[in-house]
């Protein structure tokens, strides 16, 4: 029994893997195009997840692909969430395939020709996409052979083995089998495999319908582990999508547990009405589909709140820095308060740019944080600019208008400095050797960044003169063939970008440091009310 069960499970998992890989190979880049184009609305995203999972027969594969596409920016969090819902419903198709065909046909008679024809197609197709279809067909046959061995193993077990007995409706029994299903799904990394185990056990009489249903609920909970493993140590976007998968399965499992007796009674009545009274496998497949549909219906109205909640979780340092901290509706109505708060926010943007550029120049291995800092600065600058634009719709004095204009210029200089740093960083990507003269100039720039008070026009002029000296040296080296033309070009363009970067930071400092102190109370933070004015002596 143990040999047949383990072998059958191995064949089933191998068949699932072959089918998934074959369909991926046959589809080529189609999976990426489908996910990118067919998720424009919630319902279309749901149908896409359902259709792909039904085709590939692996919710884990589609879930991991969805996490990857969301991480790459092809899908928004809202789009990805609906694809995840569809994958959970699509995975119920495995139960229908097994219960309708797996236990009703002469599996060996159908499966062995599939394996043979599939491998012939694979070998005869070379590198064409038909080879993928051959692999999928062979995998489909291997999958059904695994079901045959599982069925035989459980029939043997049913004749000489008894599982723990619990009274009908026992909470302890339900929880025990939920735990078994969760463990099976965790160990096999496939809820579909756990579903086949449950179907085989209930079909052979080893399990009753109630405990098999509890096992299926546990398998749905366990399948979230694959998504969490895929998101482990990944970006915040990946962790948010994986968390939506966990949220859906917990909602669906909680509802199924709470309504288990009622769902089973309704399914028993429905299967009897449809003429499947003696087929517990059909009833179990119907239960699996029913509680996943119930999960979709329950989480549907909660999705906007879930997306908002997840967008505020797992924030990266850059995402946190890009959020406004001092600007909100409480300071918008009073221009003096709004300008003072915008000044604090813009100085934070300047400090973010200065720190990111300094860290990039200081690190010998050129860390990849600079692009993230540029994106964060764009987000923060956009929020500040939008606030200042709304502030100008209020009645403001000429002095306040001039202050707003100065803040807008400082914003532009901060963003331009980071973009020039990105350009300078890009010039290092395609050269094998960075000329030491350019490194020397970077050291001098970094020294000025560490002492913003020394970023004066005079020191900048000194760096410009130094750049001309370095330029002459590099041109001389290139003439002697000691430096390639590409390295010379990248070095010159990089130094020019770095000096522009320094000039923009200096001007941002000048605009913000000469900004007048705000009149009246200090701007509130985090929406707090401003303090009352001091008493007049």
Protein backbone atom coordinates (compact mmCIF):
# COMPACT_ATOMS: atom_id res chain seq x y z
CA UNK A 1 0.00 0.00 0.00
CA UNK A 2 2.77 2.41 0.95
CA UNK A 3 4.70 1.61 -2.22
CA UNK A 4 1.66 2.17 -4.45
CA UNK A 5 0.69 5.38 -2.64
CA UNK A 6 4.15 6.94 -2.76
CA UNK A 7 4.70 5.86 -6.35
CA UNK A 8 1.27 7.13 -7.40
CA UNK A 9 1.87 10.46 -5.68
CA UNK A 10 5.27 10.77 -7.37
CA UNK A 11 3.79 10.00 -10.78
CA UNK A 12 1.00 12.51 -10.22
CA UNK A 13 3.44 15.28 -9.24
CA UNK A 14 5.72 14.38 -12.17
CA UNK A 15 2.75 14.52 -14.54
CA UNK A 16 1.70 17.91 -13.14
CA UNK A 17 5.22 19.23 -13.61
CA UNK A 18 5.53 17.90 -17.17
CA UNK A 19 2.11 19.33 -18.05
CA UNK A 20 2.93 22.74 -16.60
CA UNK A 21 6.37 22.97 -18.23
CA UNK A 22 5.04 21.70 -21.57
CA UNK A 23 2.23 24.23 -21.68
CA UNK A 24 4.62 27.02 -20.70
CA UNK A 25 6.97 26.00 -23.51
CA UNK A 26 4.12 25.77 -26.01
CA UNK A 27 2.76 29.17 -24.98
CA UNK A 28 6.15 30.88 -25.20
CA UNK A 29 5.78 34.59 -24.35
CA UNK A 30 1.99 34.30 -24.60
CA UNK A 31 1.60 33.98 -20.82
CA UNK A 32 3.28 37.35 -20.31
CA UNK A 33 1.14 38.99 -23.01
CA UNK A 34 -2.06 37.54 -21.57
CA UNK A 35 -1.28 38.74 -18.06
CA UNK A 36 -0.25 42.16 -19.32
CA UNK A 37 -3.24 42.73 -21.66
CA UNK A 38 -6.12 40.81 -20.11
CA UNK A 39 -6.13 42.32 -16.63
CA UNK A 40 -7.47 45.78 -17.46
CA UNK A 41 -10.51 45.29 -15.19
CA UNK A 42 -11.18 43.29 -12.04
CA UNK A 43 -13.46 40.81 -13.80
CA UNK A 44 -11.06 40.27 -16.71
CA UNK A 45 -8.19 39.73 -14.28
CA UNK A 46 -10.30 37.18 -12.42
CA UNK A 47 -11.14 35.33 -15.65
CA UNK A 48 -7.47 35.42 -16.70
CA UNK A 49 -6.35 33.81 -13.44
CA UNK A 50 -9.12 31.23 -13.68
CA UNK A 51 -8.44 30.38 -17.33
CA UNK A 52 -4.65 30.13 -17.00
CA UNK A 53 -4.85 27.95 -13.90
CA UNK A 54 -7.47 25.70 -15.49
CA UNK A 55 -5.18 25.31 -18.52
CA UNK A 56 -1.86 24.89 -16.73
CA UNK A 57 -3.40 22.94 -13.81
CA UNK A 58 -1.11 24.66 -11.31
CA UNK A 59 -2.30 27.56 -9.19
CA UNK A 60 1.21 27.80 -7.72
CA UNK A 61 2.76 28.37 -11.17
CA UNK A 62 0.27 31.12 -12.07
CA UNK A 63 0.53 32.67 -8.59
CA UNK A 64 4.33 32.83 -8.75
CA UNK A 65 4.13 34.22 -12.32
CA UNK A 66 1.65 36.87 -11.13
CA UNK A 67 3.98 37.86 -8.29
CA UNK A 68 6.84 38.15 -10.80
CA UNK A 69 4.85 40.30 -13.23
CA UNK A 70 3.61 42.57 -10.43
CA UNK A 71 7.18 42.86 -9.18
CA UNK A 72 8.35 43.83 -12.69
CA UNK A 73 5.65 46.51 -12.94
CA UNK A 74 3.50 44.75 -15.57
CA UNK A 75 0.59 44.44 -13.12
CA UNK A 76 -0.65 46.81 -10.44
CA UNK A 77 -1.47 45.42 -7.02
CA UNK A 78 -5.20 45.72 -7.76
CA UNK A 79 -4.83 43.78 -11.02
CA UNK A 80 -2.67 41.11 -9.41
CA UNK A 81 -5.15 40.59 -6.55
CA UNK A 82 -7.94 39.68 -8.98
CA UNK A 83 -5.69 37.30 -10.91
CA UNK A 84 -4.93 35.61 -7.58
CA UNK A 85 -8.66 35.19 -6.88
CA UNK A 86 -9.09 33.57 -10.30
CA UNK A 87 -6.21 31.15 -9.74
CA UNK A 88 -7.82 29.90 -6.55
CA UNK A 89 -11.04 29.09 -8.35
CA UNK A 90 -9.16 27.67 -11.36
CA UNK A 91 -7.33 25.14 -9.21
CA UNK A 92 -10.68 23.45 -8.43
CA UNK A 93 -10.73 22.14 -12.02
CA UNK A 94 -8.21 19.46 -10.97
CA UNK A 95 -10.85 17.91 -8.70
CA UNK A 96 -13.38 17.82 -11.52
CA UNK A 97 -10.94 16.24 -13.98
CA UNK A 98 -9.98 13.55 -11.48
CA UNK A 99 -13.49 12.83 -10.15
CA UNK A 100 -15.21 12.82 -13.55
CA UNK A 101 -12.52 11.05 -15.62
CA UNK A 102 -9.95 9.60 -13.25
CA UNK A 103 -12.32 7.28 -11.40
CA UNK A 104 -14.63 6.43 -14.31
CA UNK A 105 -12.29 5.36 -17.13
CA UNK A 106 -9.85 2.55 -17.70
CA UNK A 107 -7.00 4.86 -16.84
CA UNK A 108 -4.17 2.65 -18.05
CA UNK A 109 -5.88 2.18 -21.43
CA UNK A 110 -6.11 5.96 -21.88
CA UNK A 111 -2.94 7.11 -20.08
CA UNK A 112 -0.31 4.87 -21.69
CA UNK A 113 -1.13 5.96 -25.27
CA UNK A 114 -0.99 9.60 -24.08
CA UNK A 115 2.52 9.07 -22.73
CA UNK A 116 3.65 7.34 -25.92
CA UNK A 117 2.10 9.82 -28.35
CA UNK A 118 3.28 12.76 -26.28
CA UNK A 119 6.90 11.64 -26.27
CA UNK A 120 6.80 10.83 -30.01
CA UNK A 121 5.52 14.38 -30.63
CA UNK A 122 8.21 15.74 -28.32
CA UNK A 123 11.05 13.92 -30.09
CA UNK A 124 9.75 14.61 -33.60
CA UNK A 125 9.21 18.35 -33.08
CA UNK A 126 12.76 19.44 -32.35
CA UNK A 127 12.76 22.98 -30.93
CA UNK A 128 9.30 23.98 -32.14
CA UNK A 129 6.42 24.75 -29.78
CA UNK A 130 4.80 21.43 -30.71
CA UNK A 131 7.48 19.83 -28.54
CA UNK A 132 5.91 21.59 -25.56
CA UNK A 133 2.51 20.20 -26.49
CA UNK A 134 4.05 16.72 -26.64
CA UNK A 135 5.50 17.17 -23.16
CA UNK A 136 2.12 18.36 -21.86
CA UNK A 137 0.33 15.37 -23.41
CA UNK A 138 2.83 12.94 -21.91
CA UNK A 139 2.49 14.70 -18.57
CA UNK A 140 -1.28 14.35 -18.74
CA UNK A 141 -0.86 10.59 -19.23
CA UNK A 142 1.65 10.28 -16.38
CA UNK A 143 -0.73 12.26 -14.16
CA UNK A 144 -3.53 9.75 -14.77
CA UNK A 145 -1.21 6.81 -14.15
CA UNK A 146 -0.40 8.38 -10.79
CA UNK A 147 -4.11 8.61 -10.02
CA UNK A 148 -4.50 4.89 -10.84
CA UNK A 149 -1.73 3.92 -8.40
CA UNK A 150 -3.08 6.27 -5.71
CA UNK A 151 -6.54 4.80 -6.10
CA UNK A 152 -5.17 1.25 -5.83
CA UNK A 153 -3.09 2.15 -2.81
CA UNK A 154 -6.00 3.70 -0.95
CA UNK A 155 -8.28 0.78 -1.80
CA UNK A 156 -5.70 -1.55 -0.25
CA UNK A 157 -5.47 0.72 2.79
CA UNK A 158 -9.24 0.84 3.15
CA UNK A 159 -9.35 -2.95 3.46
CA UNK A 160 -6.90 -3.19 6.35
CA UNK A 161 -6.52 0.25 7.91
CA UNK A 162 -8.66 2.63 9.91
CA UNK A 163 -8.10 6.34 10.40
CA UNK A 164 -8.91 8.16 13.66
CA UNK A 165 -12.68 8.09 14.14
CA UNK A 166 -14.59 11.18 15.22
CA UNK A 167 -18.28 11.71 15.77
CA UNK A 168 -20.12 13.46 12.92
CA UNK A 169 -19.86 17.23 13.34
CA UNK A 170 -16.99 16.92 15.83
CA UNK A 171 -14.93 20.10 15.94
CA UNK A 172 -11.84 18.15 17.03
CA UNK A 173 -12.15 15.80 14.05
CA UNK A 174 -12.60 18.70 11.64
CA UNK A 175 -9.54 20.52 12.97
CA UNK A 176 -7.41 17.36 12.90
CA UNK A 177 -8.16 16.80 9.21
CA UNK A 178 -7.67 20.49 8.41
CA UNK A 179 -4.22 20.11 9.95
CA UNK A 180 -3.53 16.95 7.91
CA UNK A 181 -4.56 18.72 4.70
CA UNK A 182 -2.37 21.72 5.51
CA UNK A 183 0.60 19.44 6.22
CA UNK A 184 0.10 17.47 3.00
CA UNK A 185 -0.06 20.64 0.92
CA UNK A 186 3.04 22.04 2.64
CA UNK A 187 5.05 18.86 2.12
CA UNK A 188 4.02 18.34 -1.51
CA UNK A 189 3.90 22.06 -2.39
CA UNK A 190 0.72 21.33 -4.36
CA UNK A 191 -2.88 21.69 -3.27
CA UNK A 192 -3.86 19.72 -6.38
CA UNK A 193 -1.86 16.71 -5.15
CA UNK A 194 -3.53 16.99 -1.73
CA UNK A 195 -6.87 17.18 -3.52
CA UNK A 196 -6.13 13.93 -5.39
CA UNK A 197 -5.15 12.24 -2.11
CA UNK A 198 -8.48 13.32 -0.59
CA UNK A 199 -10.44 12.20 -3.65
CA UNK A 200 -8.70 8.81 -3.65
CA UNK A 201 -9.33 8.36 0.07
CA UNK A 202 -13.02 9.30 -0.11
CA UNK A 203 -13.58 7.25 -3.26
CA UNK A 204 -12.11 4.13 -1.65
CA UNK A 205 -14.11 4.61 1.54
CA UNK A 206 -11.09 5.35 3.71
CA UNK A 207 -12.48 8.81 4.55
CA UNK A 208 -16.03 10.06 4.88
CA UNK A 209 -17.12 13.18 3.01
CA UNK A 210 -17.03 15.47 6.06
CA UNK A 211 -13.42 14.70 6.97
CA UNK A 212 -12.31 14.73 3.32
CA UNK A 213 -13.86 18.20 3.03
CA UNK A 214 -11.91 19.33 6.11
CA UNK A 215 -8.73 17.94 4.52
CA UNK A 216 -9.42 20.01 1.37
CA UNK A 217 -9.88 23.16 3.46
CA UNK A 218 -6.48 22.50 5.04
CA UNK A 219 -4.90 21.94 1.62
CA UNK A 220 -6.12 25.37 0.51
CA UNK A 221 -4.50 26.93 3.56
CA UNK A 222 -1.24 25.04 2.97
CA UNK A 223 -0.98 26.15 -0.66
CA UNK A 224 -0.28 29.72 0.49
CA UNK A 225 3.20 28.55 1.49
CA UNK A 226 4.31 28.51 -2.16
CA UNK A 227 3.40 32.17 -2.60
CA UNK A 228 5.09 33.13 0.67
CA UNK A 229 8.25 31.24 -0.33
CA UNK A 230 8.25 33.06 -3.70
CA UNK A 231 7.97 36.40 -1.88
CA UNK A 232 10.54 35.58 0.81
CA UNK A 233 13.15 38.33 0.83
CA UNK A 234 11.57 39.83 -2.30
CA UNK A 235 10.36 43.36 -2.93
CA UNK A 236 7.41 44.94 -1.10
CA UNK A 237 5.22 44.47 -4.21
CA UNK A 238 5.85 40.71 -4.19
CA UNK A 239 5.05 40.46 -0.49
CA UNK A 240 1.80 42.39 -0.95
CA UNK A 241 0.62 40.09 -3.75
CA UNK A 242 1.56 37.00 -1.70
CA UNK A 243 -0.31 38.46 1.27
CA UNK A 244 -3.44 38.87 -0.87
CA UNK A 245 -3.21 35.16 -1.70
CA UNK A 246 -3.00 34.33 2.01
CA UNK A 247 -5.91 36.67 2.80
CA UNK A 248 -8.17 35.07 0.19
CA UNK A 249 -7.45 31.52 1.34
CA UNK A 250 -7.97 32.40 5.01
CA UNK A 251 -11.31 34.07 4.21
CA UNK A 252 -12.45 31.12 2.08
CA UNK A 253 -11.25 28.53 4.61
CA UNK A 254 -12.83 30.40 7.54
CA UNK A 255 -16.18 30.62 5.75
CA UNK A 256 -16.02 26.93 4.74
CA UNK A 257 -15.29 25.83 8.31
CA UNK A 258 -18.05 28.00 9.76
CA UNK A 259 -20.61 26.73 7.23
CA UNK A 260 -19.27 23.18 6.78
CA UNK A 261 -22.42 21.27 7.87
CA UNK A 262 -24.68 23.52 5.79
CA UNK A 263 -22.43 23.33 2.70
CA UNK A 264 -22.24 19.54 2.91
CA UNK A 265 -26.02 19.26 3.34
CA UNK A 266 -26.60 21.46 0.30
CA UNK A 267 -24.06 19.50 -1.75
CA UNK A 268 -25.58 16.16 -0.71
CA UNK A 269 -29.00 17.40 -1.82
CA UNK A 270 -27.60 18.73 -5.11
CA UNK A 271 -25.66 15.56 -5.98
CA UNK A 272 -28.74 13.48 -5.22
CA UNK A 273 -30.83 15.72 -7.44
CA UNK A 274 -28.29 15.38 -10.26
CA UNK A 275 -28.08 11.60 -9.87
CA UNK A 276 -24.60 11.35 -8.28
CA UNK A 277 -25.81 10.05 -4.90
CA UNK A 278 -23.29 7.21 -4.69
CA UNK A 279 -20.27 9.22 -5.90
CA UNK A 280 -18.53 10.97 -3.00
CA UNK A 281 -15.70 12.11 -5.31
CA UNK A 282 -18.14 14.28 -7.30
CA UNK A 283 -19.53 15.68 -4.05
CA UNK A 284 -16.01 16.54 -2.83
CA UNK A 285 -15.10 18.29 -6.11
CA UNK A 286 -18.35 20.26 -5.88
CA UNK A 287 -17.56 21.23 -2.29
CA UNK A 288 -14.08 22.45 -3.33
CA UNK A 289 -15.57 24.64 -6.05
CA UNK A 290 -18.41 25.89 -3.83
CA UNK A 291 -16.26 27.16 -0.99
CA UNK A 292 -13.83 28.89 -3.35
CA UNK A 293 -16.76 30.66 -5.04
CA UNK A 294 -17.99 31.58 -1.56
CA UNK A 295 -14.53 33.01 -0.79
CA UNK A 296 -14.64 35.18 -3.94
CA UNK A 297 -18.11 36.48 -3.07
CA UNK A 298 -17.06 37.32 0.49
CA UNK A 299 -13.78 39.03 -0.38
CA UNK A 300 -15.15 40.91 -3.42
CA UNK A 301 -16.55 43.90 -1.46
CA UNK A 302 -13.52 43.88 0.86
CA UNK A 303 -10.96 44.09 -1.97
CA UNK A 304 -10.61 47.93 -2.16
CA UNK A 305 -9.92 48.07 1.58
CA UNK A 306 -7.55 45.08 1.30
CA UNK A 307 -5.58 46.77 -1.51
CA UNK A 308 -5.31 50.01 0.51
CA UNK A 309 -4.17 48.05 3.56
CA UNK A 310 -1.52 46.15 1.62
CA UNK A 311 -0.25 49.29 -0.10
CA UNK A 312 0.59 50.66 3.34
CA UNK A 313 2.41 47.50 4.42
CA UNK A 314 5.90 46.16 3.67
CA UNK A 315 7.13 49.62 2.71
CA UNK A 316 10.69 49.84 1.45
CA UNK A 317 12.86 52.67 2.77
CA UNK A 318 12.46 54.54 -0.52
CA UNK A 319 8.65 54.15 -0.52
CA UNK A 320 8.51 55.42 3.04
CA UNK A 321 10.68 58.40 2.16
CA UNK A 322 8.47 59.25 -0.83
CA UNK A 323 5.40 59.78 1.39
CA UNK A 324 4.44 63.25 2.57
CA UNK A 325 4.92 63.76 6.31
CA UNK A 326 4.02 67.40 6.90
CA UNK A 327 1.50 68.28 4.18
CA UNK A 328 -2.21 67.58 4.52
CA UNK A 329 -5.58 69.34 4.56
CA UNK A 330 -5.00 70.90 7.97
CA UNK A 331 -2.28 73.23 6.66
CA UNK A 332 -3.75 73.90 3.22
CA UNK A 333 -6.30 76.46 4.41
CA UNK A 334 -3.62 78.73 5.96
CA UNK A 335 -0.97 79.73 3.36
CA UNK A 336 1.66 80.60 6.00
CA UNK A 337 1.33 77.18 7.59
CA UNK A 338 1.29 75.48 4.21
CA UNK A 339 4.47 77.21 3.04
CA UNK A 340 6.26 76.39 6.30
CA UNK A 341 5.24 72.73 6.05
CA UNK A 342 6.24 72.61 2.36
CA UNK A 343 9.63 74.08 3.30
CA UNK A 344 10.21 71.24 5.78
CA UNK A 345 9.10 68.68 3.21
CA UNK A 346 11.36 70.13 0.49
CA UNK A 347 14.33 70.18 2.84
CA UNK A 348 13.64 66.50 3.50
CA UNK A 349 13.71 65.93 -0.27
CA UNK A 350 17.03 67.77 -0.52
CA UNK A 351 18.50 65.68 2.31
CA UNK A 352 17.23 62.49 0.62
CA UNK A 353 18.96 63.47 -2.63
CA UNK A 354 22.18 64.44 -0.86
CA UNK A 355 22.32 61.20 1.16
CA UNK A 356 21.56 58.98 -1.83
CA UNK A 357 24.19 60.66 -4.02
CA UNK A 358 26.77 60.62 -1.22
CA UNK A 359 26.14 56.90 -0.56
CA UNK A 360 26.49 56.13 -4.26
CA UNK A 361 29.80 58.01 -4.54
CA UNK A 362 31.14 56.45 -1.33
CA UNK A 363 30.42 52.81 -2.21
CA UNK A 364 33.16 51.14 -4.24
CA UNK A 365 30.79 48.49 -5.61
CA UNK A 366 28.23 51.04 -6.87
CA UNK A 367 25.11 49.81 -5.01
CA UNK A 368 21.81 49.80 -6.83
CA UNK A 369 19.94 52.04 -4.40
CA UNK A 370 20.31 55.17 -6.51
CA UNK A 371 17.51 54.29 -9.01
CA UNK A 372 15.16 53.60 -6.08
CA UNK A 373 16.11 56.95 -4.50
CA UNK A 374 15.42 58.72 -7.82
CA UNK A 375 11.96 57.11 -7.95
CA UNK A 376 11.30 58.09 -4.32
CA UNK A 377 12.39 61.66 -5.00
CA UNK A 378 10.08 61.89 -8.00
CA UNK A 379 7.17 60.67 -5.86
CA UNK A 380 7.92 63.08 -3.02
CA UNK A 381 8.53 66.02 -5.38
CA UNK A 382 5.27 65.29 -7.18
CA UNK A 383 3.34 65.36 -3.91
CA UNK A 384 4.95 68.63 -2.83
CA UNK A 385 4.36 70.24 -6.25
CA UNK A 386 0.69 69.19 -6.21
CA UNK A 387 0.28 70.69 -2.73
CA UNK A 388 1.94 73.96 -3.78
CA UNK A 389 -0.29 74.17 -6.86
CA UNK A 390 -3.38 73.80 -4.65
CA UNK A 391 -1.93 76.36 -2.25
CA UNK A 392 -1.75 78.97 -5.01
CA UNK A 393 -5.54 78.76 -5.38
CA UNK A 394 -5.83 80.35 -1.91
CA UNK A 395 -5.58 84.13 -1.40
CA UNK A 396 -1.82 84.70 -0.97
CA UNK A 397 0.40 87.73 -0.63
CA UNK A 398 3.19 88.64 -3.09
CA UNK A 399 5.74 87.52 -0.52
CA UNK A 400 4.05 84.14 -0.19
CA UNK A 401 3.90 83.79 -3.97
CA UNK A 402 7.68 84.42 -4.13
CA UNK A 403 8.27 81.82 -1.41
CA UNK A 404 6.22 79.24 -3.32
CA UNK A 405 8.19 80.03 -6.47
CA UNK A 406 11.45 79.46 -4.59
CA UNK A 407 10.22 76.12 -3.27
CA UNK A 408 9.25 75.02 -6.79
CA UNK A 409 12.73 75.87 -8.05
CA UNK A 410 14.31 73.94 -5.18
CA UNK A 411 12.14 70.95 -6.06
CA UNK A 412 13.32 71.06 -9.67
CA UNK A 413 16.97 71.29 -8.63
CA UNK A 414 16.69 68.29 -6.25
CA UNK A 415 15.13 66.06 -8.90
CA UNK A 416 17.58 67.26 -11.57
CA UNK A 417 20.52 66.50 -9.26
CA UNK A 418 19.37 62.91 -8.83
CA UNK A 419 18.76 62.47 -12.54
CA UNK A 420 22.27 63.75 -13.29
CA UNK A 421 23.60 61.29 -10.71
CA UNK A 422 21.74 58.55 -12.56
CA UNK A 423 23.35 59.68 -15.83
CA UNK A 424 26.79 59.66 -14.23
CA UNK A 425 26.16 56.20 -12.83
CA UNK A 426 25.11 54.98 -16.26
CA UNK A 427 28.42 56.05 -17.80
CA UNK A 428 30.16 53.49 -15.57
CA UNK A 429 28.09 50.56 -16.77
CA UNK A 430 29.88 49.82 -20.04
CA UNK A 431 33.54 50.39 -19.19
CA UNK A 432 35.94 47.92 -17.65
CA UNK A 433 38.23 50.47 -16.01
CA UNK A 434 37.31 53.76 -14.37
CA UNK A 435 40.14 56.29 -14.84
CA UNK A 436 41.66 57.20 -11.45
CA UNK A 437 41.38 60.88 -12.35
CA UNK A 438 37.59 60.62 -12.42
CA UNK A 439 37.62 58.82 -9.06
CA UNK A 440 39.69 61.70 -7.65
CA UNK A 441 37.07 64.21 -8.82
CA UNK A 442 34.32 62.12 -7.22
CA UNK A 443 36.19 62.16 -3.90
CA UNK A 444 36.26 65.96 -3.98
CA UNK A 445 32.55 66.12 -4.82
CA UNK A 446 31.74 63.72 -1.98
CA UNK A 447 33.74 65.85 0.44
CA UNK A 448 31.60 68.87 -0.49
CA UNK A 449 28.39 66.86 -0.10
CA UNK A 450 29.45 66.01 3.46
CA UNK A 451 29.85 69.76 4.18
CA UNK A 452 26.93 71.51 2.44
CA UNK A 453 28.09 74.88 3.77
CA UNK A 454 31.16 74.64 1.52
CA UNK A 455 29.09 74.14 -1.66
CA UNK A 456 29.82 77.66 -2.88
CA UNK A 457 30.24 79.05 -6.41
CA UNK A 458 33.96 79.50 -5.66
CA UNK A 459 34.49 75.84 -4.76
CA UNK A 460 32.41 74.83 -7.76
CA UNK A 461 34.64 76.95 -10.00
CA UNK A 462 37.66 75.19 -8.51
CA UNK A 463 36.14 71.81 -9.42
CA UNK A 464 35.46 73.03 -12.96
CA UNK A 465 39.12 74.00 -13.32
CA UNK A 466 40.13 70.62 -11.91
CA UNK A 467 37.85 68.91 -14.43
CA UNK A 468 39.66 70.70 -17.30
CA UNK A 469 43.00 69.47 -15.96
CA UNK A 470 41.65 65.92 -15.74
CA UNK A 471 40.20 66.22 -19.24
CA UNK A 472 43.61 67.18 -20.64
CA UNK A 473 45.21 64.20 -18.86
CA UNK A 474 42.60 61.75 -20.17
CA UNK A 475 42.84 63.03 -23.73
CA UNK A 476 46.63 62.65 -23.54
CA UNK A 477 46.23 59.04 -22.30
CA UNK A 478 43.79 58.29 -25.11
CA UNK A 479 46.25 59.70 -27.65
CA UNK A 480 48.89 57.32 -26.29
CA UNK A 481 46.37 54.42 -26.53
CA UNK A 482 46.60 53.99 -22.76
CA UNK A 483 42.86 54.67 -22.51
CA UNK A 484 40.17 53.53 -24.90
CA UNK A 485 38.02 56.07 -26.72
CA UNK A 486 34.91 54.58 -25.06
CA UNK A 487 36.41 54.98 -21.59
CA UNK A 488 37.41 58.55 -22.43
CA UNK A 489 33.90 59.38 -23.65
CA UNK A 490 32.23 57.79 -20.61
CA UNK A 491 34.62 59.53 -18.22
CA UNK A 492 34.02 62.98 -19.74
CA UNK A 493 30.26 62.59 -19.86
CA UNK A 494 30.25 61.21 -16.30
CA UNK A 495 32.28 64.12 -14.92
CA UNK A 496 30.04 66.64 -16.66
CA UNK A 497 26.94 64.98 -15.17
CA UNK A 498 28.53 64.90 -11.70
CA UNK A 499 29.35 68.61 -11.81
CA UNK A 500 25.83 69.44 -13.00
CA UNK A 501 24.56 67.30 -10.13
CA UNK A 502 26.63 69.30 -7.63
CA UNK A 503 25.44 72.61 -9.13
CA UNK A 504 21.79 71.58 -8.79
CA UNK A 505 22.31 70.56 -5.17
CA UNK A 506 24.06 73.85 -4.41
CA UNK A 507 21.18 75.82 -5.90
CA UNK A 508 18.65 73.73 -3.98
CA UNK A 509 20.53 74.50 -0.76
CA UNK A 510 20.61 78.20 -1.64
CA UNK A 511 16.86 78.38 -2.33
CA UNK A 512 15.98 76.54 0.87
CA UNK A 513 18.54 78.14 3.20
CA UNK A 514 17.55 81.68 2.27
CA UNK A 515 13.83 80.91 2.67
CA UNK A 516 12.45 83.23 5.36
CA UNK A 517 11.37 81.81 8.68
CA UNK A 518 7.60 81.22 8.70
CA UNK A 519 5.45 83.81 10.37
CA UNK A 520 3.02 82.61 13.01
CA UNK A 521 2.90 79.15 14.58
CA UNK A 522 5.08 76.26 13.43
CA UNK A 523 3.46 73.88 10.98
CA UNK A 524 1.74 70.91 12.60
CA UNK A 525 3.04 67.42 12.00
CA UNK A 526 0.89 64.38 11.24
CA UNK A 527 -2.33 66.33 11.15
CA UNK A 528 -1.98 67.79 14.67
CA UNK A 529 -3.70 71.07 15.36
CA UNK A 530 -1.41 74.13 15.49
CA UNK A 531 -0.57 75.48 18.97
CA UNK A 532 -2.46 78.56 20.16
CA UNK A 533 -0.77 81.94 19.62
CA UNK A 534 1.27 83.31 22.47
CA UNK A 535 -0.32 86.01 24.60
CA UNK A 536 0.62 89.58 23.66
CA UNK A 537 2.62 91.23 26.45
